[in-house]
Amino acid sequence: MSSTAIQEMQTAVDSMNLLNTQIASAAEEQSAVSESIAENIENINQVSHSTEATSVEMSNTSEQIATLADDIHNMINQFEEAISHS
């Protein structure tokens, strides 16, 4: 084998090694991004459940306030009727 052929093979092997290094680096970056995306999705899921629970609580509180407002309105009407009959 001539030294030129050996040199060409060495250059080709070096190029393949460089490509392998670049591919491995890109795979590591993709893995890190995938993990970050998975964490963000989990965070969104947790916030979504928390928001749902808060919405239910606010709805229940609103219903209680509406009931109390009706009670107050009825008491005022009863008071006004009692005064007008006095």
Protein backbone atom coordinates (compact mmCIF):
# COMPACT_ATOMS: atom_id res chain seq x y z
CA MET A 1 0.00 0.00 0.00
CA SER A 2 1.26 3.40 -0.82
CA SER A 3 1.63 6.08 1.78
CA THR A 4 -0.92 8.19 -0.10
CA ALA A 5 -3.54 5.46 0.24
CA ILE A 6 -2.76 5.06 3.93
CA GLN A 7 -2.96 8.83 4.40
CA GLU A 8 -6.34 8.92 2.60
CA MET A 9 -7.63 6.12 4.82
CA GLN A 10 -6.40 7.93 7.93
CA THR A 11 -8.12 11.13 6.77
CA ALA A 12 -11.36 9.17 6.18
CA VAL A 13 -11.14 7.56 9.64
CA ASP A 14 -10.47 10.94 11.22
CA SER A 15 -13.54 12.36 9.42
CA MET A 16 -15.67 9.47 10.64
CA ASN A 17 -14.44 9.96 14.19
CA LEU A 18 -15.30 13.66 13.99
CA LEU A 19 -18.77 12.85 12.67
CA ASN A 20 -19.28 10.28 15.44
CA THR A 21 -18.27 12.87 18.04
CA GLN A 22 -20.67 15.41 16.54
CA ILE A 23 -23.50 12.85 16.44
CA ALA A 24 -22.88 11.86 20.06
CA SER A 25 -22.88 15.50 21.12
CA ALA A 26 -26.11 16.18 19.24
CA ALA A 27 -27.71 13.09 20.81
CA GLU A 28 -26.74 14.32 24.29
CA GLU A 29 -28.22 17.74 23.54
CA GLN A 30 -31.44 16.15 22.26
CA SER A 31 -31.64 14.03 25.38
CA ALA A 32 -31.22 17.09 27.61
CA VAL A 33 -33.90 18.98 25.65
CA SER A 34 -36.25 15.99 25.86
CA GLU A 35 -35.78 15.82 29.62
CA SER A 36 -36.46 19.54 29.90
CA ILE A 37 -39.62 19.21 27.80
CA ALA A 38 -40.81 16.31 29.97
CA GLU A 39 -40.22 18.37 33.13
CA ASN A 40 -42.09 21.33 31.65
CA ILE A 41 -45.02 19.11 30.66
CA GLU A 42 -45.16 17.73 34.21
CA ASN A 43 -45.10 21.27 35.61
CA ILE A 44 -47.91 22.29 33.26
CA ASN A 45 -49.88 19.23 34.37
CA GLN A 46 -49.42 20.14 38.04
CA VAL A 47 -50.43 23.77 37.44
CA SER A 48 -53.45 22.58 35.47
CA HIS A 49 -54.63 20.38 38.35
CA SER A 50 -54.03 23.20 40.81
CA THR A 51 -55.98 25.62 38.62
CA GLU A 52 -58.83 23.14 38.37
CA ALA A 53 -58.98 22.74 42.15
CA THR A 54 -58.91 26.50 42.64
CA SER A 55 -61.70 26.96 40.09
CA VAL A 56 -63.89 24.42 41.87
CA GLU A 57 -63.20 26.14 45.19
CA MET A 58 -64.03 29.55 43.70
CA SER A 59 -67.24 28.18 42.21
CA ASN A 60 -68.30 26.75 45.57
CA THR A 61 -67.45 30.03 47.30
CA SER A 62 -69.46 31.97 44.72
CA GLU A 63 -72.45 29.72 45.33
CA GLN A 64 -72.12 30.29 49.08
CA ILE A 65 -71.94 34.08 48.57
CA ALA A 66 -75.03 33.97 46.34
CA THR A 67 -76.88 31.98 49.02
CA LEU A 68 -75.83 34.48 51.69
CA ALA A 69 -76.92 37.39 49.48
CA ASP A 70 -80.34 35.76 49.03
CA ASP A 71 -80.58 35.21 52.80
CA ILE A 72 -79.74 38.88 53.47
CA HIS A 73 -82.25 40.00 50.84
CA ASN A 74 -84.96 37.84 52.46
CA MET A 75 -84.10 39.18 55.93
CA ILE A 76 -84.34 42.74 54.67
CA ASN A 77 -87.73 42.01 53.14
CA GLN A 78 -88.92 40.43 56.39
CA PHE A 79 -87.63 43.43 58.35
CA GLU A 80 -89.36 45.87 56.00
CA GLU A 81 -92.62 43.90 56.26
CA ALA A 82 -92.37 43.85 60.05
CA ILE A 83 -91.81 47.61 60.13
CA SER A 84 -94.68 48.31 57.75
CA HIS A 85 -97.06 46.21 59.87
CA SER A 86 -96.05 47.88 63.09
